[in-house]
Amino acid sequence: MVDIVRRRYLYFGISLLVIIPGFVALLIWGLPLAIDFTGGSLLQVRFETGTLPPPDAVRQIYDEFGFIDSLIQTSGNDAIIVRTKHMEDSTKVQIVDEMEKQFGGPITVDRYETVGPSIGQEVALRAAGAVALAALGIMLYITFAFRGVEHAFRYGISAIIAMLHDVFVVIGVEAILGQFLGWEVDALFLTALLTVIGFSVHDTIVVFDRIRENSNIYRRLPYETVVNHSIVQTLVRSINTQLTVMFTLLALVIFGGVTIRHFVLILLVGVLSGTYSSIFNAAPILVVWENREWRNWFRPKKSSESLA
């Protein structure tokens, strides 16, 4: 039999190695928040002539209207994206007209978004509250669902720890992608994050439910053996279910539009992380807790019995 639980600290170490680069990226570059959370305006214009003006010339126009902190990025060969502090709609029209006068040719506004500073702060607080509320609700639900099992609260807390693993992985990847691809954390990213939380916990509950069933069937076997047997029993089901989702998401990343690529890629990373944490992290945490291995500096407790 595949002994996953016995090598639990190896899998914990792999998780740590995956999370550390994201933490380093967060410390160095921070999380690239979009105007949804920070407040401000975003203007994306396309030049029908197919020739982009110099960024300094565009910045000079914005400086004349009082936006000296503008951030200018190119999008393709004929469009630019400018992020500034909050601007009025009338000011946007004046800026577009000025660019048409200086650079010639018609200019098409592909995208315009503006969010006030107070609204941005409120959205950021609500986003953090949504994740916290989801975690609390999941923990309470699992604890209630497993109320017939000894130490039911351990199942809820272990599921939350595995879920936080996926949250850290997704946020770390976003920090890295934001630095190199210019992607930002917006409302759609929050949607992807909450979806990942749901997928991760759903798969974890399946493993925990099998542990509950086997605990009544194999009463005389060590808890570690029962947990490992439960993981192996649900392994094929977990992998097949998640592969179905990942193949679909991969097809969307490759063949889907650019507008959803960020959202789909974050989902793909999160589902992959959730599959790993549900199998290799969530249930083994229960074993560590049951054996109280922190008293022995997290050394696995040797068991003389095994399930053949």
Protein backbone atom coordinates (compact mmCIF):
# COMPACT_ATOMS: atom_id res chain seq x y z
CA MET A 1 0.00 0.00 0.00
CA VAL A 2 1.12 3.55 -0.72
CA ASP A 3 2.14 5.02 2.62
CA ILE A 4 1.43 8.73 2.26
CA VAL A 5 1.07 9.55 5.94
CA ARG A 6 4.47 8.10 6.88
CA ARG A 7 6.18 10.62 4.57
CA ARG A 8 4.03 13.51 5.76
CA TYR A 9 6.95 15.75 6.70
CA LEU A 10 8.38 15.38 3.20
CA TYR A 11 5.09 16.65 1.78
CA PHE A 12 4.94 19.44 4.37
CA GLY A 13 8.44 20.44 3.25
CA ILE A 14 7.39 20.50 -0.41
CA SER A 15 4.50 22.80 0.50
CA LEU A 16 6.88 25.08 2.35
CA LEU A 17 9.23 25.23 -0.64
CA VAL A 18 6.34 26.21 -2.89
CA ILE A 19 5.07 28.91 -0.53
CA ILE A 20 8.44 30.55 0.30
CA PRO A 21 9.06 32.10 -3.17
CA GLY A 22 5.64 33.73 -3.01
CA PHE A 23 6.36 35.20 0.42
CA VAL A 24 9.68 36.54 -0.84
CA ALA A 25 7.90 38.10 -3.82
CA LEU A 26 5.36 39.69 -1.49
CA LEU A 27 8.10 41.15 0.71
CA ILE A 28 10.07 42.52 -2.25
CA TRP A 29 7.37 43.65 -4.69
CA GLY A 30 4.16 43.52 -2.69
CA LEU A 31 0.74 42.59 -4.03
CA PRO A 32 -0.21 44.55 -7.18
CA LEU A 33 -3.63 45.90 -6.22
CA ALA A 34 -5.91 47.17 -8.98
CA ILE A 35 -7.98 50.32 -8.70
CA ASP A 36 -10.85 48.13 -7.43
CA PHE A 37 -9.08 48.13 -4.06
CA THR A 38 -6.89 51.24 -4.11
CA GLY A 39 -9.16 53.69 -5.89
CA GLY A 40 -8.18 55.66 -8.99
CA SER A 41 -8.81 55.67 -12.72
CA LEU A 42 -7.73 53.44 -15.57
CA LEU A 43 -7.84 54.54 -19.20
CA GLN A 44 -6.98 52.25 -22.08
CA VAL A 45 -6.91 53.86 -25.53
CA ARG A 46 -6.10 52.43 -28.94
CA PHE A 47 -4.45 54.47 -31.68
CA GLU A 48 -6.02 53.72 -35.06
CA THR A 49 -2.80 54.75 -36.80
CA GLY A 50 -1.09 51.68 -35.30
CA THR A 51 1.78 53.79 -33.98
CA LEU A 52 2.26 54.34 -30.26
CA PRO A 53 3.34 57.78 -29.08
CA PRO A 54 6.35 58.09 -26.75
CA PRO A 55 5.35 57.39 -23.11
CA ASP A 56 6.98 60.65 -22.03
CA ALA A 57 4.70 62.59 -24.38
CA VAL A 58 1.62 60.90 -22.94
CA ARG A 59 2.86 61.53 -19.40
CA GLN A 60 3.35 65.20 -20.22
CA ILE A 61 -0.33 65.51 -21.19
CA TYR A 62 -1.38 63.95 -17.91
CA ASP A 63 0.99 66.25 -16.01
CA GLU A 64 -0.75 69.26 -17.56
CA PHE A 65 -4.05 68.05 -16.09
CA GLY A 66 -2.52 67.57 -12.64
CA PHE A 67 -1.91 63.79 -12.74
CA ILE A 68 1.81 63.74 -12.06
CA ASP A 69 1.78 60.18 -10.69
CA SER A 70 0.46 58.51 -13.83
CA LEU A 71 1.61 54.96 -14.64
CA ILE A 72 1.79 54.18 -18.35
CA GLN A 73 1.92 50.69 -19.87
CA THR A 74 1.64 49.44 -23.43
CA SER A 75 -0.95 46.89 -24.52
CA GLY A 76 -0.06 45.33 -27.82
CA ASN A 77 1.32 47.46 -30.63
CA ASP A 78 -1.40 50.08 -30.81
CA ALA A 79 -2.76 50.67 -27.30
CA ILE A 80 -1.65 52.13 -23.98
CA ILE A 81 -3.01 51.79 -20.45
CA VAL A 82 -2.71 54.73 -18.06
CA ARG A 83 -3.42 54.46 -14.32
CA THR A 84 -3.81 57.59 -12.24
CA LYS A 85 -5.54 58.87 -9.14
CA HIS A 86 -9.30 59.41 -9.39
CA MET A 87 -10.38 61.62 -12.32
CA GLU A 88 -13.74 62.96 -13.45
CA ASP A 89 -15.40 61.84 -16.69
CA SER A 90 -15.10 65.34 -18.13
CA THR A 91 -11.35 65.31 -17.51
CA LYS A 92 -11.06 61.97 -19.29
CA VAL A 93 -12.74 63.46 -22.37
CA GLN A 94 -10.36 66.41 -22.34
CA ILE A 95 -7.31 64.14 -22.09
CA VAL A 96 -8.46 61.99 -25.00
CA ASP A 97 -9.12 65.09 -27.10
CA GLU A 98 -5.67 66.43 -26.29
CA MET A 99 -4.02 63.15 -27.31
CA GLU A 100 -5.89 63.24 -30.62
CA LYS A 101 -4.65 66.78 -31.27
CA GLN A 102 -1.02 66.03 -30.46
CA PHE A 103 -0.65 62.54 -31.89
CA GLY A 104 -3.09 62.75 -34.79
CA GLY A 105 -5.63 60.22 -36.00
CA PRO A 106 -8.70 58.93 -34.20
CA ILE A 107 -8.33 57.37 -30.76
CA THR A 108 -10.66 54.67 -29.47
CA VAL A 109 -11.32 54.28 -25.74
CA ASP A 110 -11.24 50.51 -25.16
CA ARG A 111 -11.59 50.67 -21.40
CA TYR A 112 -12.28 53.26 -18.76
CA GLU A 113 -12.72 52.55 -15.05
CA THR A 114 -12.76 54.88 -12.11
CA VAL A 115 -13.17 54.14 -8.42
CA GLY A 116 -13.15 56.67 -5.59
CA PRO A 117 -10.57 56.24 -2.79
CA SER A 118 -13.21 55.60 -0.12
CA ILE A 119 -14.94 52.99 -2.27
CA GLY A 120 -11.61 51.29 -2.98
CA GLN A 121 -10.83 51.03 0.72
CA GLU A 122 -14.30 49.65 1.43
CA VAL A 123 -13.91 47.02 -1.29
CA ALA A 124 -10.52 45.98 0.12
CA LEU A 125 -11.99 45.59 3.62
CA ARG A 126 -14.95 43.64 2.30
CA ALA A 127 -12.63 41.37 0.31
CA ALA A 128 -10.60 40.52 3.43
CA GLY A 129 -13.83 40.05 5.35
CA ALA A 130 -15.19 37.70 2.70
CA VAL A 131 -12.16 35.41 2.95
CA ALA A 132 -12.24 35.49 6.75
CA LEU A 133 -15.98 34.81 6.86
CA ALA A 134 -15.60 31.92 4.43
CA ALA A 135 -12.87 30.38 6.59
CA LEU A 136 -14.92 30.77 9.77
CA GLY A 137 -18.04 29.34 8.16
CA ILE A 138 -16.13 26.34 6.79
CA MET A 139 -14.55 25.58 10.16
CA LEU A 140 -17.87 25.77 12.00
CA TYR A 141 -19.66 23.66 9.40
CA ILE A 142 -17.05 20.89 9.39
CA THR A 143 -16.93 20.85 13.18
CA PHE A 144 -20.71 20.48 13.26
CA ALA A 145 -20.79 17.86 10.49
CA PHE A 146 -18.21 15.73 12.33
CA ARG A 147 -19.72 16.26 15.77
CA GLY A 148 -20.10 12.49 16.21
CA VAL A 149 -16.33 11.98 15.90
CA GLU A 150 -13.91 12.45 18.78
CA HIS A 151 -12.16 15.85 18.62
CA ALA A 152 -14.43 17.08 15.84
CA PHE A 153 -12.96 20.58 15.98
CA ARG A 154 -9.63 19.17 14.76
CA TYR A 155 -11.19 18.39 11.40
CA GLY A 156 -12.40 21.93 10.97
CA ILE A 157 -9.08 23.50 11.94
CA SER A 158 -7.08 21.06 9.77
CA ALA A 159 -9.28 21.91 6.78
CA ILE A 160 -8.66 25.61 7.37
CA ILE A 161 -4.88 25.07 7.59
CA ALA A 162 -4.94 23.19 4.28
CA MET A 163 -7.12 25.93 2.80
CA LEU A 164 -4.68 28.64 3.95
CA HIS A 165 -1.93 26.70 2.18
CA ASP A 166 -3.83 27.18 -1.08
CA VAL A 167 -4.52 30.85 -0.33
CA PHE A 168 -0.81 31.49 0.29
CA VAL A 169 0.16 29.67 -2.91
CA VAL A 170 -2.33 31.64 -5.02
CA ILE A 171 -1.38 35.01 -3.51
CA GLY A 172 2.34 34.24 -3.88
CA VAL A 173 1.91 33.27 -7.53
CA GLU A 174 -0.09 36.44 -8.10
CA ALA A 175 2.72 38.55 -6.62
CA ILE A 176 5.22 36.92 -9.00
CA LEU A 177 2.96 37.20 -12.06
CA GLY A 178 2.13 40.78 -11.16
CA GLN A 179 5.80 41.70 -11.26
CA PHE A 180 6.64 40.00 -14.55
CA LEU A 181 3.34 40.13 -16.46
CA GLY A 182 1.80 43.28 -15.02
CA TRP A 183 -1.32 41.51 -13.74
CA GLU A 184 -3.19 43.11 -10.86
CA VAL A 185 -5.39 41.92 -8.00
CA ASP A 186 -8.92 42.93 -8.93
CA ALA A 187 -12.45 41.78 -8.11
CA LEU A 188 -12.13 38.90 -10.58
CA PHE A 189 -9.05 37.65 -8.73
CA LEU A 190 -11.07 37.64 -5.50
CA THR A 191 -13.71 35.55 -7.26
CA ALA A 192 -11.05 33.06 -8.33
CA LEU A 193 -9.62 32.92 -4.80
CA LEU A 194 -12.98 32.17 -3.21
CA THR A 195 -13.64 29.50 -5.86
CA VAL A 196 -10.29 27.88 -5.04
CA ILE A 197 -11.23 27.85 -1.36
CA GLY A 198 -14.43 26.02 -2.21
CA PHE A 199 -12.69 23.41 -4.36
CA SER A 200 -9.99 22.80 -1.77
CA VAL A 201 -12.34 22.33 1.17
CA HIS A 202 -14.72 20.15 -0.86
CA ASP A 203 -11.97 17.65 -1.64
CA THR A 204 -10.71 17.74 1.95
CA ILE A 205 -14.17 16.92 3.30
CA VAL A 206 -14.32 13.82 1.08
CA VAL A 207 -11.11 12.49 2.66
CA PHE A 208 -12.26 13.40 6.17
CA ASP A 209 -15.60 11.67 5.66
CA ARG A 210 -13.82 8.46 4.67
CA ILE A 211 -11.65 8.75 7.80
CA ARG A 212 -14.83 8.99 9.87
CA GLU A 213 -16.26 5.86 8.26
CA ASN A 214 -13.05 3.84 8.59
CA SER A 215 -12.60 4.91 12.23
CA ASN A 216 -15.74 2.91 13.04
CA ILE A 217 -14.74 -0.07 10.89
CA TYR A 218 -11.06 -0.42 11.89
CA ARG A 219 -11.30 0.41 15.58
CA ARG A 220 -8.26 -1.66 16.60
CA LEU A 221 -5.87 -0.19 14.05
CA PRO A 222 -3.64 2.81 14.82
CA TYR A 223 -5.12 6.17 13.84
CA GLU A 224 -2.24 6.81 11.44
CA THR A 225 -3.01 3.58 9.56
CA VAL A 226 -6.70 4.40 9.34
CA VAL A 227 -5.96 7.88 7.95
CA ASN A 228 -3.53 6.53 5.36
CA HIS A 229 -6.02 3.87 4.29
CA SER A 230 -8.70 6.55 3.89
CA ILE A 231 -6.44 8.75 1.76
CA VAL A 232 -5.57 5.84 -0.53
CA GLN A 233 -9.24 4.90 -0.90
CA THR A 234 -10.17 8.40 -2.07
CA LEU A 235 -6.95 9.06 -4.02
CA VAL A 236 -8.19 7.99 -7.45
CA ARG A 237 -11.49 9.80 -6.99
CA SER A 238 -9.75 13.03 -5.95
CA ILE A 239 -7.25 12.98 -8.80
CA ASN A 240 -9.83 12.13 -11.46
CA THR A 241 -12.22 14.84 -10.29
CA GLN A 242 -9.56 17.54 -10.17
CA LEU A 243 -7.95 16.50 -13.47
CA THR A 244 -11.29 17.01 -15.18
CA VAL A 245 -11.38 20.58 -13.91
CA MET A 246 -7.71 21.25 -14.65
CA PHE A 247 -7.93 20.00 -18.26
CA THR A 248 -10.88 22.33 -18.84
CA LEU A 249 -9.05 25.28 -17.31
CA LEU A 250 -5.89 24.49 -19.27
CA ALA A 251 -7.88 24.54 -22.51
CA LEU A 252 -9.27 27.96 -21.55
CA VAL A 253 -5.77 29.26 -20.79
CA ILE A 254 -4.48 28.13 -24.18
CA PHE A 255 -7.46 28.85 -26.41
CA GLY A 256 -9.51 31.33 -24.36
CA GLY A 257 -9.46 35.08 -24.68
CA VAL A 258 -6.92 37.38 -23.13
CA THR A 259 -9.54 38.99 -20.90
CA ILE A 260 -10.15 35.78 -18.90
CA ARG A 261 -6.62 34.36 -18.99
CA HIS A 262 -5.60 35.87 -15.66
CA PHE A 263 -8.74 34.58 -13.94
CA VAL A 264 -8.46 31.08 -15.42
CA LEU A 265 -4.73 30.74 -14.69
CA ILE A 266 -5.26 31.66 -11.04
CA LEU A 267 -8.03 29.06 -10.88
CA LEU A 268 -5.71 26.47 -12.42
CA VAL A 269 -2.95 27.17 -9.91
CA GLY A 270 -5.44 27.09 -7.04
CA VAL A 271 -7.08 23.81 -8.09
CA LEU A 272 -3.66 22.17 -8.46
CA SER A 273 -2.64 23.43 -5.03
CA GLY A 274 -5.97 22.36 -3.54
CA THR A 275 -5.59 18.84 -4.88
CA TYR A 276 -2.16 18.57 -3.32
CA SER A 277 -3.16 20.00 0.05
CA SER A 278 -6.26 17.82 0.32
CA ILE A 279 -4.24 14.66 -0.20
CA PHE A 280 -0.87 15.41 1.35
CA ASN A 281 -1.56 18.08 3.98
CA ALA A 282 -5.07 18.05 5.45
CA ALA A 283 -5.34 14.45 6.71
CA PRO A 284 -1.67 14.15 7.77
CA ILE A 285 -2.20 17.23 9.97
CA LEU A 286 -4.79 15.19 11.87
CA VAL A 287 -2.15 12.52 12.51
CA VAL A 288 0.36 15.08 13.78
CA TRP A 289 -2.31 16.44 16.10
CA GLU A 290 -3.41 12.99 17.29
CA ASN A 291 0.17 11.94 18.10
CA ARG A 292 1.04 15.37 19.54
CA GLU A 293 4.28 15.22 17.61
CA TRP A 294 5.26 18.76 18.55
CA ARG A 295 6.30 17.32 21.92
CA ASN A 296 9.00 15.29 20.09
CA TRP A 297 10.10 18.11 17.80
CA PHE A 298 7.71 16.88 15.10
CA ARG A 299 9.23 13.46 14.80
CA PRO A 300 6.81 10.87 13.39
CA LYS A 301 5.59 8.29 15.85
CA LYS A 302 6.64 4.82 14.77
CA SER A 303 3.81 2.32 14.45
CA SER A 304 4.40 -1.41 14.55
CA GLU A 305 1.08 -2.16 12.85
CA SER A 306 0.16 -1.64 9.24
CA LEU A 307 -2.84 -2.38 7.07
CA ALA A 308 -1.98 -4.88 4.36
